[in-house]
Protein backbone atom coordinates (compact mmCIF):
# COMPACT_ATOMS: atom_id res chain seq x y z
CA MET A 1 84.61 -31.91 80.62
CA SER A 2 82.68 -28.77 81.36
CA ALA A 3 78.93 -29.20 81.60
CA GLU A 4 78.46 -25.77 80.10
CA GLY A 5 78.13 -25.70 76.35
CA ARG A 6 77.02 -23.44 73.58
CA ARG A 7 74.35 -24.78 71.23
CA VAL A 8 73.70 -23.54 67.73
CA GLU A 9 70.15 -24.47 66.80
CA ALA A 10 69.31 -25.77 63.37
CA SER A 11 67.23 -23.57 61.12
CA ARG A 12 65.60 -26.59 59.43
CA PRO A 13 64.49 -29.88 61.02
CA ASP A 14 66.89 -31.92 58.85
CA GLU A 15 69.95 -29.88 59.89
CA ALA A 16 72.28 -30.85 62.70
CA VAL A 17 72.42 -29.00 66.01
CA VAL A 18 76.05 -28.16 66.82
CA THR A 19 77.12 -28.00 70.47
CA ARG A 20 80.52 -26.73 71.62
CA VAL A 21 82.03 -27.53 75.02
CA ARG A 22 85.45 -27.00 76.60
CA SER A 23 87.48 -29.74 78.22
CA ARG A 24 89.24 -29.12 81.53
CA ASP A 25 92.42 -28.10 79.71
CA GLY A 26 90.51 -25.54 77.63
CA THR A 27 90.33 -27.49 74.37
CA GLU A 28 87.14 -26.70 72.46
CA ILE A 29 85.19 -29.78 71.41
CA ALA A 30 82.28 -29.55 68.99
CA TYR A 31 79.74 -32.24 68.20
CA SER A 32 76.60 -32.31 66.12
CA THR A 33 73.30 -34.08 66.76
CA THR A 34 70.68 -34.90 64.15
CA GLY A 35 68.02 -37.51 63.44
CA SER A 36 65.69 -39.44 65.73
CA GLY A 37 65.77 -42.85 67.35
CA PRO A 38 68.38 -44.65 69.45
CA PRO A 39 71.74 -42.86 69.66
CA LEU A 40 74.51 -43.77 67.23
CA VAL A 41 77.92 -42.16 67.73
CA LEU A 42 79.95 -41.63 64.55
CA VAL A 43 83.68 -41.23 65.17
CA HIS A 44 86.06 -40.06 62.45
CA GLY A 45 89.78 -40.77 62.34
CA ALA A 46 92.68 -38.37 62.75
CA GLY A 47 92.82 -35.68 60.11
CA ALA A 48 89.11 -35.91 59.32
CA ASP A 49 86.01 -34.04 60.52
CA ARG A 50 82.22 -34.44 60.54
CA TRP A 51 82.18 -33.71 56.80
CA SER A 52 83.37 -37.33 56.37
CA PHE A 53 79.84 -38.50 57.20
CA ARG A 54 77.95 -36.26 54.76
CA PHE A 55 76.85 -39.18 52.58
CA VAL A 56 75.79 -41.59 55.33
CA GLU A 57 74.10 -39.10 57.68
CA PRO A 58 70.93 -38.76 55.56
CA LEU A 59 70.64 -42.54 55.31
CA LEU A 60 70.98 -43.11 59.06
CA ALA A 61 69.13 -40.06 60.46
CA ASP A 62 65.68 -41.57 59.88
CA ARG A 63 66.48 -44.49 62.21
CA PHE A 64 69.04 -43.07 64.66
CA THR A 65 69.95 -39.96 66.61
CA LEU A 66 73.42 -39.30 65.22
CA CYS A 67 76.00 -37.81 67.58
């Protein structure tokens, strides 16, 4: 995976920071980071996206850095 990425900073502290990177084959991969504390990686299934976590993110972001 390329170490170079493009970050989109949040405009409010409670918003996620979205980072986009490219894999070696050129596929764009985006991930968001929000919250504070030990890291917790949330992984959605096929056919889903980060929107799947919209209800649990606010509950977990006070205790974890969500990736």
